[in-house]
Amino acid sequence: MKKIFCIAAILLMLAGSAWGIEWNRHSEQTATAAITTASGYFGGVILATDGTNNVTISVYDNASAASGTKLLPTTVVTTSAANRSTAIDVNPAVRFYNGIYVEITCAGTVTYHVHYVND
């Protein structure tokens, strides 16, 4: 699973490099969290699951709460033992003004990385 996760992360970073974007990658998260409080561009998210439980994720233009403009509509990521990692690429990147807040739910375990660039 870690190989697939690493390959997906590398591909997403290379895609950003092709357009001259130096993506920030927030440290690994396992629950709902504020990612940044500055403005910038949201490029996507990479998720790794337990292979059993689906994940529901929403990403907001907000520094501290699950409200405001959605940068990523509520998305249900299905998972299986053969499909434990998912990369959600936002192309073109979406502008955010207030920060990034990720709301995520999973009955099992999930880890994720958010890709963004600040102004």
C-alpha atoms as a PDB file:
ATOM      1  CA  MET A   1       0.000   0.000   0.000  1.00  0.00           C
ATOM      2  CA  LYS A   2       2.812   2.423   0.833  1.00  0.00           C
ATOM      3  CA  LYS A   3       4.329   1.862  -2.639  1.00  0.00           C
ATOM      4  CA  ILE A   4       1.065   2.809  -4.332  1.00  0.00           C
ATOM      5  CA  PHE A   5       0.657   5.821  -2.031  1.00  0.00           C
ATOM      6  CA  CYS A   6       4.219   6.997  -2.746  1.00  0.00           C
ATOM      7  CA  ILE A   7       3.814   6.536  -6.503  1.00  0.00           C
ATOM      8  CA  ALA A   8       0.554   8.517  -6.471  1.00  0.00           C
ATOM      9  CA  ALA A   9       2.187  11.290  -4.432  1.00  0.00           C
ATOM     10  CA  ILE A  10       5.136  11.489  -6.816  1.00  0.00           C
ATOM     11  CA  LEU A  11       2.862  11.616  -9.865  1.00  0.00           C
ATOM     12  CA  LEU A  12       0.798  14.429  -8.362  1.00  0.00           C
ATOM     13  CA  MET A  13       3.927  16.409  -7.510  1.00  0.00           C
ATOM     14  CA  LEU A  14       5.352  15.876 -11.003  1.00  0.00           C
ATOM     15  CA  ALA A  15       2.105  17.057 -12.557  1.00  0.00           C
ATOM     16  CA  GLY A  16       2.436  20.306 -10.611  1.00  0.00           C
ATOM     17  CA  SER A  17       6.081  20.662 -11.615  1.00  0.00           C
ATOM     18  CA  ALA A  18       5.119  20.389 -15.278  1.00  0.00           C
ATOM     19  CA  TRP A  19       3.238  23.696 -14.912  1.00  0.00           C
ATOM     20  CA  GLY A  20       5.963  25.313 -12.841  1.00  0.00           C
ATOM     21  CA  ILE A  21       4.006  25.050  -9.583  1.00  0.00           C
ATOM     22  CA  GLU A  22       5.856  24.249  -6.370  1.00  0.00           C
ATOM     23  CA  TRP A  23       3.114  22.482  -4.383  1.00  0.00           C
ATOM     24  CA  ASN A  24       3.152  22.503  -0.608  1.00  0.00           C
ATOM     25  CA  ARG A  25       2.239  19.164   0.853  1.00  0.00           C
ATOM     26  CA  HIS A  26       0.723  19.385   4.282  1.00  0.00           C
ATOM     27  CA  SER A  27       1.924  16.841   6.799  1.00  0.00           C
ATOM     28  CA  GLU A  28       0.000  13.597   7.018  1.00  0.00           C
ATOM     29  CA  GLN A  29      -3.434  13.964   8.603  1.00  0.00           C
ATOM     30  CA  THR A  30      -5.800  11.320   9.955  1.00  0.00           C
ATOM     31  CA  ALA A  31      -8.863  13.407  10.872  1.00  0.00           C
ATOM     32  CA  THR A  32     -10.721  16.636  10.121  1.00  0.00           C
ATOM     33  CA  ALA A  33      -8.190  19.493  10.232  1.00  0.00           C
ATOM     34  CA  ALA A  34      -7.290  23.067   9.316  1.00  0.00           C
ATOM     35  CA  ILE A  35      -4.488  22.863   6.752  1.00  0.00           C
ATOM     36  CA  THR A  36      -3.498  26.498   6.136  1.00  0.00           C
ATOM     37  CA  THR A  37      -4.770  29.927   7.120  1.00  0.00           C
ATOM     38  CA  ALA A  38      -3.290  31.794   4.152  1.00  0.00           C
ATOM     39  CA  SER A  39      -4.685  32.291   0.633  1.00  0.00           C
ATOM     40  CA  GLY A  40      -3.499  30.414  -2.437  1.00  0.00           C
ATOM     41  CA  TYR A  41      -4.424  27.578  -4.805  1.00  0.00           C
ATOM     42  CA  PHE A  42      -5.727  24.102  -3.932  1.00  0.00           C
ATOM     43  CA  GLY A  43      -4.332  21.329  -6.151  1.00  0.00           C
ATOM     44  CA  GLY A  44      -5.760  18.152  -4.707  1.00  0.00           C
ATOM     45  CA  VAL A  45      -5.540  15.503  -2.036  1.00  0.00           C
ATOM     46  CA  ILE A  46      -4.090  12.007  -1.760  1.00  0.00           C
ATOM     47  CA  LEU A  47      -5.886   9.508   0.494  1.00  0.00           C
ATOM     48  CA  ALA A  48      -4.815   6.105   1.819  1.00  0.00           C
ATOM     49  CA  THR A  49      -7.424   3.939   3.540  1.00  0.00           C
ATOM     50  CA  ASP A  50      -7.641   0.717   5.512  1.00  0.00           C
ATOM     51  CA  GLY A  51      -9.003  -1.026   2.407  1.00  0.00           C
ATOM     52  CA  THR A  52     -12.338  -1.777   4.050  1.00  0.00           C
ATOM     53  CA  ASN A  53     -14.198   1.462   4.823  1.00  0.00           C
ATOM     54  CA  ASN A  54     -15.225   4.195   2.387  1.00  0.00           C
ATOM     55  CA  VAL A  55     -14.148   7.780   3.057  1.00  0.00           C
ATOM     56  CA  THR A  56     -16.242  10.951   2.785  1.00  0.00           C
ATOM     57  CA  ILE A  57     -14.241  14.144   2.256  1.00  0.00           C
ATOM     58  CA  SER A  58     -15.095  17.829   1.769  1.00  0.00           C
ATOM     59  CA  VAL A  59     -12.569  20.655   1.410  1.00  0.00           C
ATOM     60  CA  TYR A  60     -13.536  24.242   2.300  1.00  0.00           C
ATOM     61  CA  ASP A  61     -12.145  27.736   1.759  1.00  0.00           C
ATOM     62  CA  ASN A  62     -12.028  28.360   5.502  1.00  0.00           C
ATOM     63  CA  ALA A  63      -9.238  28.588   8.076  1.00  0.00           C
ATOM     64  CA  SER A  64     -11.059  26.975  10.972  1.00  0.00           C
ATOM     65  CA  ALA A  65     -14.438  25.405  10.157  1.00  0.00           C
ATOM     66  CA  ALA A  66     -16.335  23.171   7.730  1.00  0.00           C
ATOM     67  CA  SER A  67     -18.300  26.028   6.163  1.00  0.00           C
ATOM     68  CA  GLY A  68     -18.071  28.505   3.330  1.00  0.00           C
ATOM     69  CA  THR A  69     -17.129  27.873  -0.283  1.00  0.00           C
ATOM     70  CA  LYS A  70     -16.309  24.265  -1.086  1.00  0.00           C
ATOM     71  CA  LEU A  71     -13.017  23.791  -2.898  1.00  0.00           C
ATOM     72  CA  LEU A  72     -13.857  20.112  -3.368  1.00  0.00           C
ATOM     73  CA  PRO A  73     -17.495  19.043  -3.258  1.00  0.00           C
ATOM     74  CA  THR A  74     -18.402  16.303  -0.807  1.00  0.00           C
ATOM     75  CA  THR A  75     -16.884  13.187  -2.322  1.00  0.00           C
ATOM     76  CA  VAL A  76     -17.255   9.559  -1.301  1.00  0.00           C
ATOM     77  CA  VAL A  77     -14.092   7.598  -2.016  1.00  0.00           C
ATOM     78  CA  THR A  78     -14.754   3.882  -2.316  1.00  0.00           C
ATOM     79  CA  THR A  79     -12.072   1.486  -1.224  1.00  0.00           C
ATOM     80  CA  SER A  80     -11.162  -2.182  -1.352  1.00  0.00           C
ATOM     81  CA  ALA A  81      -8.203  -4.362  -0.491  1.00  0.00           C
ATOM     82  CA  ALA A  82      -6.969  -3.888  -4.080  1.00  0.00           C
ATOM     83  CA  ASN A  83      -7.706  -0.133  -4.171  1.00  0.00           C
ATOM     84  CA  ARG A  84      -6.515   1.468  -0.937  1.00  0.00           C
ATOM     85  CA  SER A  85      -5.117   4.757  -2.281  1.00  0.00           C
ATOM     86  CA  THR A  86      -6.790   7.538  -4.252  1.00  0.00           C
ATOM     87  CA  ALA A  87      -5.448  10.785  -5.684  1.00  0.00           C
ATOM     88  CA  ILE A  88      -7.983  13.557  -6.308  1.00  0.00           C
ATOM     89  CA  ASP A  89      -6.381  16.011  -8.701  1.00  0.00           C
ATOM     90  CA  VAL A  90      -7.957  19.456  -9.052  1.00  0.00           C
ATOM     91  CA  ASN A  91      -6.942  20.772 -12.450  1.00  0.00           C
ATOM     92  CA  PRO A  92      -6.848  23.655 -12.883  1.00  0.00           C
ATOM     93  CA  ALA A  93      -6.073  24.449  -9.273  1.00  0.00           C
ATOM     94  CA  VAL A  94      -8.857  26.196  -7.327  1.00  0.00           C
ATOM     95  CA  ARG A  95      -8.262  29.609  -5.754  1.00  0.00           C
ATOM     96  CA  PHE A  96      -8.877  29.920  -2.014  1.00  0.00           C
ATOM     97  CA  TYR A  97      -8.851  33.121   0.027  1.00  0.00           C
ATOM     98  CA  ASN A  98      -9.350  32.183   3.683  1.00  0.00           C
ATOM     99  CA  GLY A  99      -7.413  28.952   4.137  1.00  0.00           C
ATOM    100  CA  ILE A 100      -8.077  25.246   3.682  1.00  0.00           C
ATOM    101  CA  TYR A 101     -10.179  23.161   6.039  1.00  0.00           C
ATOM    102  CA  VAL A 102     -10.693  19.440   5.401  1.00  0.00           C
ATOM    103  CA  GLU A 103     -13.691  17.584   6.804  1.00  0.00           C
ATOM    104  CA  ILE A 104     -13.204  13.823   6.569  1.00  0.00           C
ATOM    105  CA  THR A 105     -15.089  10.824   7.933  1.00  0.00           C
ATOM    106  CA  CYS A 106     -14.273   7.130   7.795  1.00  0.00           C
ATOM    107  CA  ALA A 107     -15.476   4.246   9.966  1.00  0.00           C
ATOM    108  CA  GLY A 108     -11.947   2.825   9.800  1.00  0.00           C
ATOM    109  CA  THR A 109      -8.589   4.489   9.288  1.00  0.00           C
ATOM    110  CA  VAL A 110      -7.566   7.035   6.674  1.00  0.00           C
ATOM    111  CA  THR A 111      -4.510   9.196   6.122  1.00  0.00           C
ATOM    112  CA  TYR A 112      -4.304  12.065   3.666  1.00  0.00           C
ATOM    113  CA  HIS A 113      -2.035  14.782   2.275  1.00  0.00           C
ATOM    114  CA  VAL A 114      -3.318  18.080   0.881  1.00  0.00           C
ATOM    115  CA  HIS A 115      -1.481  19.744  -2.012  1.00  0.00           C
ATOM    116  CA  TYR A 116      -1.659  23.540  -2.250  1.00  0.00           C
ATOM    117  CA  VAL A 117       0.433  26.605  -2.912  1.00  0.00           C
ATOM    118  CA  ASN A 118       0.168  29.842  -0.938  1.00  0.00           C
ATOM    119  CA  ASP A 119       0.329  33.288  -2.538  1.00  0.00           C
END
